[in-house]
Amino acid sequence: MTMGARIQTILKERGVKQVDFAKTLGISANYVNLIANDKKKSISDTLAKLIEETYGYSARWVLEGTGEKLVSDGLTASKARILKKIQKMSDSEIRATLAFVETLESINQQFPKE
């Protein structure tokens, strides 16, 4: 599997458009397009690590196509989608979301699952 095919896999599995993928990683959409279409055959270790941290795909797999595809830190597709949505929120929306999450934590502490 080529680098482009691996990037296309990430985009498809995470339901992310090239432009959003680029914005999230702080790179240009044109650069993502070049990679995804195999016009650019490699990326930096730093970018691969950023993809790992942001989308949960092993930097080694992204760079080489070897090893486990997903890291085992628990970043599921759902968590990645939530993070993507949070990145697009305004400060007031983030404060409201944080208040909601903190309320859930409080409830879970008061009524632990058995």
N, C-alpha and C. Protein backbone atom coordinates (compact mmCIF):
# COMPACT_ATOMS: atom_id res chain seq x y z
N MET A 1 0.85 -1.17 0.00
CA MET A 1 0.00 0.00 0.00
C MET A 1 0.90 1.24 0.00
N THR A 2 0.61 2.16 -0.87
CA THR A 2 1.41 3.38 -0.99
C THR A 2 1.07 4.37 0.12
N MET A 3 1.90 5.37 0.27
CA MET A 3 1.64 6.44 1.23
C MET A 3 0.28 7.08 0.91
N GLY A 4 0.03 7.34 -0.36
CA GLY A 4 -1.24 7.94 -0.77
C GLY A 4 -2.42 7.08 -0.38
N ALA A 5 -2.30 5.78 -0.57
CA ALA A 5 -3.39 4.87 -0.21
C ALA A 5 -3.61 4.85 1.29
N ARG A 6 -2.54 4.95 2.07
CA ARG A 6 -2.70 4.99 3.52
C ARG A 6 -3.40 6.28 3.96
N ILE A 7 -3.03 7.39 3.36
CA ILE A 7 -3.69 8.66 3.69
C ILE A 7 -5.16 8.61 3.28
N GLN A 8 -5.43 8.06 2.11
CA GLN A 8 -6.82 7.93 1.66
C GLN A 8 -7.62 7.02 2.61
N THR A 9 -6.97 5.98 3.14
CA THR A 9 -7.62 5.10 4.12
C THR A 9 -8.01 5.88 5.36
N ILE A 10 -7.10 6.71 5.86
CA ILE A 10 -7.38 7.52 7.04
C ILE A 10 -8.56 8.45 6.77
N LEU A 11 -8.53 9.13 5.64
CA LEU A 11 -9.61 10.06 5.29
C LEU A 11 -10.95 9.34 5.23
N LYS A 12 -10.97 8.19 4.60
CA LYS A 12 -12.21 7.43 4.45
C LYS A 12 -12.70 6.90 5.80
N GLU A 13 -11.80 6.28 6.57
CA GLU A 13 -12.21 5.68 7.83
C GLU A 13 -12.63 6.72 8.87
N ARG A 14 -12.05 7.89 8.82
CA ARG A 14 -12.40 8.94 9.78
C ARG A 14 -13.46 9.89 9.23
N GLY A 15 -13.84 9.71 7.97
CA GLY A 15 -14.86 10.55 7.38
C GLY A 15 -14.45 12.01 7.28
N VAL A 16 -13.19 12.22 6.90
CA VAL A 16 -12.62 13.56 6.87
C VAL A 16 -12.31 13.94 5.42
N LYS A 17 -12.60 15.17 5.06
CA LYS A 17 -12.24 15.70 3.75
C LYS A 17 -10.78 16.14 3.77
N GLN A 18 -10.16 16.13 2.61
CA GLN A 18 -8.76 16.52 2.52
C GLN A 18 -8.52 17.90 3.11
N VAL A 19 -9.40 18.84 2.84
CA VAL A 19 -9.22 20.21 3.32
C VAL A 19 -9.28 20.27 4.84
N ASP A 20 -10.18 19.49 5.45
CA ASP A 20 -10.29 19.47 6.91
C ASP A 20 -9.10 18.75 7.54
N PHE A 21 -8.66 17.69 6.90
CA PHE A 21 -7.47 16.96 7.35
C PHE A 21 -6.27 17.90 7.36
N ALA A 22 -6.13 18.66 6.29
CA ALA A 22 -5.02 19.61 6.18
C ALA A 22 -5.10 20.67 7.26
N LYS A 23 -6.28 21.23 7.44
CA LYS A 23 -6.46 22.30 8.43
C LYS A 23 -6.14 21.80 9.84
N THR A 24 -6.61 20.61 10.16
CA THR A 24 -6.36 20.03 11.47
C THR A 24 -4.87 19.83 11.73
N LEU A 25 -4.13 19.47 10.68
CA LEU A 25 -2.70 19.18 10.83
C LEU A 25 -1.83 20.41 10.61
N GLY A 26 -2.42 21.50 10.17
CA GLY A 26 -1.66 22.72 9.94
C GLY A 26 -0.81 22.68 8.67
N ILE A 27 -1.32 21.97 7.67
CA ILE A 27 -0.64 21.89 6.37
C ILE A 27 -1.62 22.32 5.29
N SER A 28 -1.12 22.49 4.08
CA SER A 28 -2.01 22.94 3.00
C SER A 28 -2.82 21.79 2.42
N ALA A 29 -4.00 22.13 1.93
CA ALA A 29 -4.84 21.13 1.27
C ALA A 29 -4.15 20.59 0.02
N ASN A 30 -3.39 21.44 -0.66
CA ASN A 30 -2.65 21.02 -1.84
C ASN A 30 -1.62 19.95 -1.47
N TYR A 31 -0.96 20.13 -0.33
CA TYR A 31 0.04 19.15 0.13
C TYR A 31 -0.64 17.79 0.39
N VAL A 32 -1.79 17.81 1.04
CA VAL A 32 -2.54 16.57 1.29
C VAL A 32 -2.93 15.93 -0.03
N ASN A 33 -3.37 16.74 -0.99
CA ASN A 33 -3.75 16.24 -2.31
C ASN A 33 -2.56 15.56 -2.99
N LEU A 34 -1.39 16.17 -2.90
CA LEU A 34 -0.19 15.58 -3.51
C LEU A 34 0.13 14.23 -2.87
N ILE A 35 0.02 14.16 -1.56
CA ILE A 35 0.29 12.89 -0.86
C ILE A 35 -0.74 11.84 -1.24
N ALA A 36 -2.02 12.21 -1.14
CA ALA A 36 -3.11 11.26 -1.39
C ALA A 36 -3.10 10.73 -2.81
N ASN A 37 -2.56 11.51 -3.75
CA ASN A 37 -2.52 11.08 -5.15
C ASN A 37 -1.14 10.56 -5.56
N ASP A 38 -0.32 10.22 -4.56
CA ASP A 38 1.00 9.63 -4.78
C ASP A 38 1.94 10.51 -5.61
N LYS A 39 1.74 11.80 -5.57
CA LYS A 39 2.67 12.72 -6.24
C LYS A 39 3.79 13.10 -5.28
N LYS A 40 3.54 12.91 -4.00
CA LYS A 40 4.54 13.08 -2.95
C LYS A 40 4.63 11.73 -2.25
N LYS A 41 5.81 11.14 -2.26
CA LYS A 41 5.96 9.75 -1.81
C LYS A 41 6.27 9.59 -0.34
N SER A 42 6.64 10.68 0.36
CA SER A 42 6.96 10.56 1.78
C SER A 42 6.56 11.83 2.52
N ILE A 43 6.47 11.68 3.83
CA ILE A 43 6.18 12.81 4.71
C ILE A 43 7.19 12.79 5.85
N SER A 44 7.25 13.85 6.61
CA SER A 44 8.19 13.92 7.72
C SER A 44 7.73 13.06 8.90
N ASP A 45 8.68 12.68 9.73
CA ASP A 45 8.36 11.96 10.95
C ASP A 45 7.43 12.79 11.83
N THR A 46 7.65 14.09 11.86
CA THR A 46 6.84 15.00 12.67
C THR A 46 5.38 14.97 12.21
N LEU A 47 5.16 15.03 10.91
CA LEU A 47 3.79 14.99 10.40
C LEU A 47 3.15 13.64 10.70
N ALA A 48 3.89 12.56 10.54
CA ALA A 48 3.36 11.23 10.84
C ALA A 48 2.96 11.13 12.31
N LYS A 49 3.77 11.69 13.20
CA LYS A 49 3.46 11.67 14.64
C LYS A 49 2.22 12.52 14.93
N LEU A 50 2.09 13.63 14.23
CA LEU A 50 0.91 14.48 14.39
C LEU A 50 -0.35 13.75 13.94
N ILE A 51 -0.25 13.01 12.84
CA ILE A 51 -1.38 12.19 12.36
C ILE A 51 -1.72 11.15 13.42
N GLU A 52 -0.70 10.55 14.01
CA GLU A 52 -0.93 9.56 15.07
C GLU A 52 -1.68 10.18 16.24
N GLU A 53 -1.21 11.32 16.70
CA GLU A 53 -1.81 11.98 17.86
C GLU A 53 -3.21 12.50 17.57
N THR A 54 -3.45 12.93 16.34
CA THR A 54 -4.74 13.52 15.99
C THR A 54 -5.78 12.49 15.58
N TYR A 55 -5.36 11.50 14.79
CA TYR A 55 -6.32 10.56 14.20
C TYR A 55 -6.18 9.13 14.70
N GLY A 56 -5.11 8.83 15.48
CA GLY A 56 -4.99 7.50 16.07
C GLY A 56 -4.34 6.45 15.20
N TYR A 57 -3.74 6.86 14.08
CA TYR A 57 -3.06 5.91 13.20
C TYR A 57 -1.57 5.93 13.52
N SER A 58 -1.00 4.76 13.71
CA SER A 58 0.40 4.64 14.08
C SER A 58 1.30 5.39 13.10
N ALA A 59 2.23 6.18 13.64
CA ALA A 59 3.17 6.91 12.79
C ALA A 59 3.97 5.94 11.93
N ARG A 60 4.33 4.80 12.50
CA ARG A 60 5.09 3.79 11.73
C ARG A 60 4.26 3.29 10.55
N TRP A 61 2.98 3.02 10.80
CA TRP A 61 2.12 2.54 9.71
C TRP A 61 1.96 3.63 8.66
N VAL A 62 1.77 4.86 9.09
CA VAL A 62 1.61 5.97 8.14
C VAL A 62 2.87 6.10 7.28
N LEU A 63 4.04 6.05 7.91
CA LEU A 63 5.31 6.24 7.19
C LEU A 63 5.70 5.05 6.32
N GLU A 64 5.55 3.84 6.88
CA GLU A 64 6.11 2.65 6.23
C GLU A 64 5.08 1.63 5.76
N GLY A 65 3.88 1.71 6.31
CA GLY A 65 2.87 0.71 5.98
C GLY A 65 3.08 -0.59 6.73
N THR A 66 3.88 -0.55 7.80
CA THR A 66 4.16 -1.75 8.58
C THR A 66 3.67 -1.57 10.01
N GLY A 67 3.55 -2.67 10.71
CA GLY A 67 3.11 -2.64 12.11
C GLY A 67 1.61 -2.46 12.21
N GLU A 68 1.18 -2.22 13.44
CA GLU A 68 -0.24 -2.02 13.70
C GLU A 68 -0.72 -0.71 13.06
N LYS A 69 -1.88 -0.76 12.47
CA LYS A 69 -2.42 0.44 11.82
C LYS A 69 -2.84 1.48 12.87
N LEU A 70 -3.53 1.05 13.89
CA LEU A 70 -4.04 1.97 14.90
C LEU A 70 -3.22 1.87 16.17
N VAL A 71 -3.02 3.01 16.83
CA VAL A 71 -2.36 2.99 18.12
C VAL A 71 -3.36 2.53 19.17
N SER A 72 -2.86 2.02 20.22
CA SER A 72 -3.75 1.44 21.23
C SER A 72 -4.03 2.40 22.37
N ASP A 73 -4.04 3.70 22.10
CA ASP A 73 -4.30 4.67 23.16
C ASP A 73 -5.79 4.96 23.33
N GLY A 74 -6.63 4.22 22.63
CA GLY A 74 -8.06 4.39 22.81
C GLY A 74 -8.70 5.46 21.94
N LEU A 75 -7.98 6.03 20.97
CA LEU A 75 -8.58 7.02 20.09
C LEU A 75 -9.40 6.30 19.04
N THR A 76 -10.68 6.17 19.34
CA THR A 76 -11.59 5.51 18.41
C THR A 76 -12.07 6.50 17.36
N ALA A 77 -12.76 5.98 16.38
CA ALA A 77 -13.31 6.85 15.34
C ALA A 77 -14.27 7.88 15.95
N SER A 78 -15.04 7.46 16.94
CA SER A 78 -15.97 8.39 17.60
C SER A 78 -15.22 9.49 18.32
N LYS A 79 -14.15 9.14 19.03
CA LYS A 79 -13.37 10.15 19.73
C LYS A 79 -12.72 11.11 18.75
N ALA A 80 -12.24 10.59 17.66
CA ALA A 80 -11.62 11.45 16.64
C ALA A 80 -12.64 12.42 16.06
N ARG A 81 -13.88 11.94 15.83
CA ARG A 81 -14.93 12.82 15.32
C ARG A 81 -15.27 13.92 16.32
N ILE A 82 -15.32 13.55 17.60
CA ILE A 82 -15.61 14.55 18.62
C ILE A 82 -14.51 15.61 18.66
N LEU A 83 -13.26 15.17 18.62
CA LEU A 83 -12.14 16.12 18.64
C LEU A 83 -12.21 17.05 17.44
N LYS A 84 -12.57 16.51 16.29
CA LYS A 84 -12.68 17.32 15.08
C LYS A 84 -13.75 18.40 15.26
N LYS A 85 -14.87 18.02 15.86
CA LYS A 85 -15.95 18.98 16.08
C LYS A 85 -15.54 20.03 17.11
N ILE A 86 -14.84 19.63 18.15
CA ILE A 86 -14.39 20.56 19.17
C ILE A 86 -13.47 21.61 18.58
N GLN A 87 -12.61 21.19 17.66
CA GLN A 87 -11.67 22.13 17.05
C GLN A 87 -12.38 23.24 16.27
N LYS A 88 -13.60 22.98 15.85
CA LYS A 88 -14.35 23.96 15.07
C LYS A 88 -15.23 24.85 15.94
N MET A 89 -15.31 24.55 17.24
CA MET A 89 -16.22 25.29 18.13
C MET A 89 -15.66 26.65 18.52
N SER A 90 -16.58 27.54 18.82
CA SER A 90 -16.21 28.84 19.38
C SER A 90 -15.86 28.64 20.85
N ASP A 91 -15.26 29.66 21.44
CA ASP A 91 -14.89 29.57 22.86
C ASP A 91 -16.12 29.35 23.75
N SER A 92 -17.21 30.01 23.43
CA SER A 92 -18.41 29.84 24.26
C SER A 92 -18.98 28.42 24.12
N GLU A 93 -18.93 27.86 22.92
CA GLU A 93 -19.38 26.48 22.73
C GLU A 93 -18.48 25.51 23.49
N ILE A 94 -17.20 25.77 23.50
CA ILE A 94 -16.26 24.90 24.22
C ILE A 94 -16.54 24.98 25.73
N ARG A 95 -16.78 26.18 26.25
CA ARG A 95 -17.10 26.32 27.67
C ARG A 95 -18.38 25.54 28.02
N ALA A 96 -19.38 25.62 27.17
CA ALA A 96 -20.64 24.90 27.41
C ALA A 96 -20.40 23.39 27.36
N THR A 97 -19.61 22.95 26.41
CA THR A 97 -19.30 21.52 26.29
C THR A 97 -18.52 21.04 27.51
N LEU A 98 -17.55 21.84 27.95
CA LEU A 98 -16.77 21.49 29.13
C LEU A 98 -17.67 21.39 30.36
N ALA A 99 -18.60 22.32 30.50
CA ALA A 99 -19.54 22.27 31.62
C ALA A 99 -20.37 20.99 31.58
N PHE A 100 -20.80 20.60 30.39
CA PHE A 100 -21.57 19.37 30.22
C PHE A 100 -20.74 18.15 30.62
N VAL A 101 -19.50 18.08 30.15
CA VAL A 101 -18.62 16.95 30.46
C VAL A 101 -18.35 16.89 31.96
N GLU A 102 -18.11 18.04 32.57
CA GLU A 102 -17.86 18.06 34.00
C GLU A 102 -19.08 17.61 34.79
N THR A 103 -20.27 17.95 34.32
CA THR A 103 -21.50 17.49 34.95
C THR A 103 -21.61 15.97 34.85
N LEU A 104 -21.29 15.42 33.69
CA LEU A 104 -21.30 13.96 33.53
C LEU A 104 -20.32 13.30 34.49
N GLU A 105 -19.13 13.87 34.62
CA GLU A 105 -18.13 13.32 35.55
C GLU A 105 -18.66 13.32 36.98
N SER A 106 -19.31 14.42 37.35
CA SER A 106 -19.87 14.54 38.70
C SER A 106 -20.94 13.48 38.94
N ILE A 107 -21.80 13.29 37.97
CA ILE A 107 -22.86 12.28 38.09
C ILE A 107 -22.24 10.89 38.19
N ASN A 108 -21.23 10.62 37.37
CA ASN A 108 -20.58 9.31 37.40
C ASN A 108 -19.89 9.06 38.74
N GLN A 109 -19.38 10.11 39.37
CA GLN A 109 -18.74 9.95 40.68
C GLN A 109 -19.79 9.69 41.76
N GLN A 110 -20.95 10.34 41.65
CA GLN A 110 -22.01 10.16 42.62
C GLN A 110 -22.70 8.81 42.49
N PHE A 111 -22.81 8.34 41.25
CA PHE A 111 -23.51 7.10 40.96
C PHE A 111 -22.61 6.19 40.11
N PRO A 112 -21.56 5.62 40.71
CA PRO A 112 -20.64 4.80 39.91
C PRO A 112 -21.32 3.59 39.31
N LYS A 113 -20.85 3.19 38.17
CA LYS A 113 -21.38 1.98 37.51
C LYS A 113 -20.95 0.77 38.32
N GLU A 114 -21.84 -0.17 38.42
CA GLU A 114 -21.53 -1.37 39.22
C GLU A 114 -21.03 -2.48 38.35
